[in-house]
Amino acid sequence: MAMSLLRTDDLSVSFGGVHALSHVDLEVVEGGVTGLIGPNGAGKTTFIDAVTGMVTSSGHVFLDGVNITALPPADRARRGLVRTFQTLELFEDLTVEDNLAAGAMHTPWWQFLKDALWPWGSRHTPHEVEDALELLGLTAERDRFPADLSHGRRRLVGVARALAAVPLVLLLDEPAAGLDSAESRALGERLRAIADTGVTVFLIDHDMSLVLDVCDTIHVLDFGEIIASGTPEEIRNNPAVVAAYLGRAAETS
C-alpha cells in the first residue's frame, strides 16, 4: 500500500476576511501523479503557497511523516518540497543547462563564479542536471538560451529546473499554461515519465485533458474547500464537480 508522502491537516489561509483555504485535509501518496483542480480563485495556488511556507497558514503540513509546519520555505525545499510558478522566471542570460544547475540542490555556490572566471576550464555537470535534461527531452538544447526556445520548450525548462533539485514532491503550478494541444500532450508524457522514476508529482492545471489523462488521483477545490477526491473517472462523473467546475470548463472550451 502506498504511503502518504505529503499531507495537510486542517490547512487554512485567510487574507483579511477572505478565507482562501478552509480546513483542507489532503493527502498525496508516494509515487504517481496527484492533481488539484478547481475554478479560478478556488485557492489552488494558495494551497501550494501554504504547503511550501510562502504564505501564513494555520493547520499542519507533513512531509514524509515529519511535521514541517514550523519550517521556513528554504528548509522545506531542502527537505524535498520543490515547486514551480505560473510565471516561469527563467534566467534569460543563462543557458538551459545553467538554468538547471542553478536549481540543483547540490551545485556548489562557487561553481558559477568559477565558470564565470574560467569559462575555458573543465566543467562538471551534476548528474541531477543531466538526468533532468534527458528526462524532459532537452539535451539537444542544453547550450541554448531560454529566449531562443518556443513557449512550450521554455515550460519544460521550468519543470526540468525544479526536477534538478531532486524533489520528494514536485509541485507544478499551471505548467501547461499557454501550450497548444500537442504541446500539452507532450508535457503529459514527460510528467508520466517523471513519475515513473519514483518522483511524486502534484499537478495544478486548467487543462482538463492533461489532468484527466495523467493523474492517478484528483482533488477538487471550490471556494477554498475540497468538494471531491477520487480517480479521474470518479471525478469526471461526480455531479458536484460537474456543477462546480467541469460543466463551466466545458462551456468555455
Protein backbone atom coordinates (compact mmCIF):
# COMPACT_ATOMS: atom_id res chain seq x y z
CA MET A 1 0.00 0.00 0.00
CA ALA A 2 1.37 3.42 -0.99
CA MET A 3 2.32 5.67 1.90
CA SER A 4 1.33 9.28 2.39
CA LEU A 5 4.24 11.48 1.33
CA LEU A 6 2.58 14.89 1.69
CA ARG A 7 -0.37 15.52 3.97
CA THR A 8 -2.24 18.57 5.21
CA ASP A 9 -4.47 18.60 8.27
CA ASP A 10 -6.96 21.44 8.72
CA LEU A 11 -4.89 23.74 6.47
CA SER A 12 -6.44 27.20 6.31
CA VAL A 13 -5.37 30.55 4.85
CA SER A 14 -7.15 33.88 5.26
CA PHE A 15 -6.43 37.21 3.61
CA GLY A 16 -8.23 39.77 5.73
CA GLY A 17 -11.77 38.44 6.00
CA VAL A 18 -11.47 36.23 2.91
CA HIS A 19 -10.97 32.52 3.52
CA ALA A 20 -8.74 31.40 0.65
CA LEU A 21 -8.40 27.90 2.12
CA SER A 22 -10.79 26.42 4.67
CA HIS A 23 -9.74 23.40 6.74
CA VAL A 24 -8.21 21.47 3.85
CA ASP A 25 -7.34 17.85 4.58
CA LEU A 26 -5.44 16.50 1.58
CA GLU A 27 -3.14 13.54 1.06
CA VAL A 28 -0.60 12.92 -1.68
CA VAL A 29 0.55 9.31 -1.75
CA GLU A 30 4.06 8.35 -2.75
CA GLY A 31 4.61 7.82 -6.47
CA GLY A 32 2.36 8.72 -9.37
CA VAL A 33 0.66 12.00 -10.21
CA THR A 34 -1.90 13.72 -7.98
CA GLY A 35 -3.96 16.56 -9.39
CA LEU A 36 -5.71 19.58 -7.87
CA ILE A 37 -8.35 21.31 -9.97
CA GLY A 38 -10.97 23.97 -9.46
CA PRO A 39 -12.31 27.26 -10.82
CA ASN A 40 -10.24 30.43 -10.91
CA GLY A 41 -9.94 31.80 -7.40
CA ALA A 42 -10.67 28.44 -5.77
CA GLY A 43 -7.41 28.56 -3.81
CA LYS A 44 -5.22 26.16 -5.80
CA THR A 45 -2.07 28.28 -5.92
CA THR A 46 -2.71 29.36 -2.34
CA PHE A 47 -2.58 25.69 -1.39
CA ILE A 48 0.90 25.32 -2.89
CA ASP A 49 1.95 28.62 -1.29
CA ALA A 50 0.76 27.29 2.08
CA VAL A 51 2.42 23.87 1.94
CA THR A 52 5.71 25.44 0.80
CA GLY A 53 5.55 28.05 3.57
CA MET A 54 5.20 31.10 1.33
CA VAL A 55 2.01 32.34 3.00
CA THR A 56 0.95 32.29 6.62
CA SER A 57 -1.43 29.44 7.35
CA SER A 58 -2.99 27.53 10.21
CA GLY A 59 -3.21 23.77 10.48
CA HIS A 60 -0.40 21.32 9.81
CA VAL A 61 1.76 20.15 6.89
CA PHE A 62 3.54 16.79 6.96
CA LEU A 63 6.24 15.69 4.53
CA ASP A 64 7.35 12.08 4.59
CA GLY A 65 5.79 11.69 8.01
CA VAL A 66 7.54 14.74 9.53
CA ASN A 67 5.63 17.83 10.68
CA ILE A 68 7.22 20.69 8.72
CA THR A 69 4.66 23.35 9.65
CA ALA A 70 7.17 25.48 11.54
CA LEU A 71 9.88 25.34 8.85
CA PRO A 72 10.59 28.30 6.54
CA PRO A 73 10.31 27.84 2.76
CA ALA A 74 14.04 27.21 2.18
CA ASP A 75 14.13 24.38 4.72
CA ARG A 76 11.00 22.81 3.23
CA ALA A 77 12.65 22.92 -0.18
CA ARG A 78 15.82 21.33 1.18
CA ARG A 79 13.69 18.51 2.57
CA GLY A 80 12.34 17.86 -0.93
CA LEU A 81 9.24 20.03 -1.35
CA VAL A 82 10.03 21.75 -4.67
CA ARG A 83 7.65 23.89 -6.72
CA THR A 84 7.31 25.74 -9.98
CA PHE A 85 5.47 29.01 -10.50
CA GLN A 86 2.85 30.11 -13.03
CA THR A 87 5.34 32.69 -14.29
CA LEU A 88 8.45 30.89 -15.47
CA GLU A 89 11.05 33.41 -14.26
CA LEU A 90 13.88 31.67 -16.10
CA PHE A 91 17.38 33.15 -16.07
CA GLU A 92 17.40 34.56 -19.58
CA ASP A 93 21.14 35.25 -19.60
CA LEU A 94 21.99 31.65 -18.67
CA THR A 95 21.88 28.60 -20.91
CA VAL A 96 19.30 25.89 -20.39
CA GLU A 97 21.91 23.75 -18.66
CA ASP A 98 22.94 26.58 -16.33
CA ASN A 99 19.29 27.30 -15.51
CA LEU A 100 19.01 23.72 -14.33
CA ALA A 101 22.32 23.90 -12.45
CA ALA A 102 21.00 26.96 -10.60
CA GLY A 103 18.09 24.87 -9.42
CA ALA A 104 20.12 21.81 -8.47
CA MET A 105 20.43 21.49 -4.72
CA HIS A 106 23.92 20.04 -4.80
CA THR A 107 25.61 22.55 -7.11
CA PRO A 108 28.21 24.42 -5.00
CA TRP A 109 27.75 28.20 -5.00
CA TRP A 110 31.31 28.76 -6.13
CA GLN A 111 30.84 26.71 -9.31
CA PHE A 112 29.08 29.62 -11.02
CA LEU A 113 31.89 32.01 -10.03
CA LYS A 114 34.48 29.55 -11.30
CA ASP A 115 32.65 29.15 -14.62
CA ALA A 116 32.45 32.93 -14.99
CA LEU A 117 36.16 33.48 -14.27
CA TRP A 118 37.50 30.43 -16.11
CA PRO A 119 34.94 29.59 -18.81
CA TRP A 120 37.60 27.64 -20.74
CA GLY A 121 38.23 25.30 -17.82
CA SER A 122 36.71 21.87 -17.40
CA ARG A 123 33.10 21.77 -16.29
CA HIS A 124 31.36 19.18 -14.21
CA THR A 125 27.65 18.90 -14.81
CA PRO A 126 25.83 17.44 -11.80
CA HIS A 127 24.15 14.15 -12.62
CA GLU A 128 20.86 15.64 -11.40
CA VAL A 129 21.08 18.17 -14.24
CA GLU A 130 21.99 15.51 -16.80
CA ASP A 131 19.08 13.34 -15.67
CA ALA A 132 16.61 16.23 -15.83
CA LEU A 133 17.79 17.30 -19.29
CA GLU A 134 17.37 13.78 -20.59
CA LEU A 135 14.01 13.13 -18.93
CA LEU A 136 12.49 16.36 -20.26
CA GLY A 137 13.99 15.90 -23.73
CA LEU A 138 16.17 19.00 -23.51
CA THR A 139 19.65 17.52 -24.02
CA ALA A 140 20.00 18.95 -27.53
CA GLU A 141 19.08 22.41 -26.25
CA ARG A 142 21.34 22.47 -23.21
CA ASP A 143 23.59 25.23 -24.64
CA ARG A 144 20.76 27.40 -25.95
CA PHE A 145 19.28 30.39 -24.13
CA PRO A 146 15.63 30.39 -23.00
CA ALA A 147 14.77 33.34 -25.24
CA ASP A 148 15.63 31.18 -28.27
CA LEU A 149 13.10 28.48 -27.34
CA SER A 150 9.40 28.16 -28.01
CA HIS A 151 6.96 28.75 -25.17
CA GLY A 152 6.38 25.01 -24.84
CA ARG A 153 10.09 24.26 -24.56
CA ARG A 154 10.51 27.06 -22.02
CA ARG A 155 7.80 25.41 -19.91
CA LEU A 156 9.78 22.18 -20.00
CA VAL A 157 12.89 24.06 -18.84
CA GLY A 158 10.94 25.31 -15.83
CA VAL A 159 9.88 21.77 -14.93
CA ALA A 160 13.38 20.42 -15.53
CA ARG A 161 14.93 23.07 -13.27
CA ALA A 162 12.65 22.01 -10.42
CA LEU A 163 13.38 18.35 -11.14
CA ALA A 164 17.13 19.01 -10.92
CA ALA A 165 16.61 19.87 -7.25
CA VAL A 166 15.83 16.16 -6.67
CA PRO A 167 12.41 16.65 -5.08
CA LEU A 168 10.46 14.22 -2.95
CA VAL A 169 7.34 16.01 -4.18
CA LEU A 170 7.37 18.09 -7.36
CA LEU A 171 4.63 20.74 -7.15
CA LEU A 172 3.70 22.07 -10.59
CA ASP A 173 1.58 25.21 -10.81
CA GLU A 174 -0.06 25.52 -14.25
CA PRO A 175 2.80 24.01 -16.30
CA ALA A 176 0.57 23.75 -19.39
CA ALA A 177 -0.44 27.43 -19.39
CA GLY A 178 -0.23 28.75 -22.94
CA LEU A 179 0.51 25.39 -24.54
CA ASP A 180 -1.37 24.08 -27.55
CA SER A 181 -2.93 20.61 -27.51
CA ALA A 182 0.12 18.89 -28.99
CA GLU A 183 2.49 20.57 -26.53
CA SER A 184 0.17 19.67 -23.67
CA ARG A 185 0.14 16.01 -24.71
CA ALA A 186 3.94 16.03 -24.89
CA LEU A 187 4.08 17.58 -21.43
CA GLY A 188 1.77 14.86 -20.11
CA GLU A 189 4.11 12.18 -21.44
CA ARG A 190 7.04 13.87 -19.68
CA LEU A 191 5.13 14.09 -16.40
CA ARG A 192 4.32 10.39 -16.51
CA ALA A 193 7.99 9.67 -17.24
CA ILE A 194 8.97 11.72 -14.18
CA ALA A 195 6.52 9.79 -12.02
CA ASP A 196 7.87 6.51 -13.39
CA THR A 197 11.28 7.40 -11.94
CA GLY A 198 9.74 7.48 -8.46
CA VAL A 199 9.28 11.24 -8.08
CA THR A 200 5.87 12.14 -6.69
CA VAL A 201 4.17 14.80 -8.85
CA PHE A 202 1.48 17.21 -7.66
CA LEU A 203 -0.19 18.97 -10.59
CA ILE A 204 -2.39 22.04 -10.77
CA ASP A 205 -3.70 22.88 -14.22
CA HIS A 206 -6.77 24.11 -16.07
CA ASP A 207 -6.12 21.76 -19.00
CA MET A 208 -8.67 19.07 -18.13
CA SER A 209 -7.46 16.71 -20.86
CA LEU A 210 -3.98 16.82 -19.34
CA VAL A 211 -5.16 16.37 -15.75
CA LEU A 212 -7.62 13.57 -16.51
CA ASP A 213 -5.08 11.74 -18.68
CA VAL A 214 -2.02 11.82 -16.42
CA CYS A 215 -3.32 11.90 -12.84
CA ASP A 216 -3.91 8.84 -10.70
CA THR A 217 -5.91 10.79 -8.08
CA ILE A 218 -7.60 14.18 -8.37
CA HIS A 219 -8.80 16.56 -5.65
CA VAL A 220 -11.30 19.31 -6.46
CA LEU A 221 -11.17 22.65 -4.69
CA ASP A 222 -14.03 25.17 -4.73
CA PHE A 223 -14.20 28.34 -2.63
CA GLY A 224 -11.22 27.11 -0.62
CA GLU A 225 -12.77 23.76 0.31
CA ILE A 226 -12.21 20.23 -1.01
CA ILE A 227 -15.51 19.10 -2.51
CA ALA A 228 -14.40 15.80 -4.05
CA SER A 229 -11.46 13.40 -4.33
CA GLY A 230 -11.10 10.30 -6.44
CA THR A 231 -9.87 8.72 -9.65
CA PRO A 232 -10.18 10.64 -12.93
CA GLU A 233 -13.26 8.58 -13.82
CA GLU A 234 -14.89 9.26 -10.46
CA ILE A 235 -14.17 12.99 -10.76
CA ARG A 236 -15.45 13.12 -14.32
CA ASN A 237 -18.79 11.64 -13.23
CA ASN A 238 -19.20 13.45 -9.91
CA PRO A 239 -22.31 15.71 -10.10
CA ALA A 240 -20.90 18.21 -7.59
CA VAL A 241 -17.69 18.54 -9.60
CA VAL A 242 -19.56 18.93 -12.88
CA ALA A 243 -21.72 21.65 -11.33
CA ALA A 244 -18.81 23.46 -9.68
CA TYR A 245 -16.19 23.20 -12.38
CA LEU A 246 -16.22 20.69 -15.22
CA GLY A 247 -19.51 21.95 -16.63
CA ARG A 248 -18.22 25.52 -16.70
CA ALA A 249 -14.90 24.38 -18.15
CA ALA A 250 -16.72 22.60 -20.99
CA GLU A 251 -18.84 25.68 -21.72
CA THR A 252 -15.77 27.88 -22.10
CA SER A 253 -13.67 25.41 -24.08
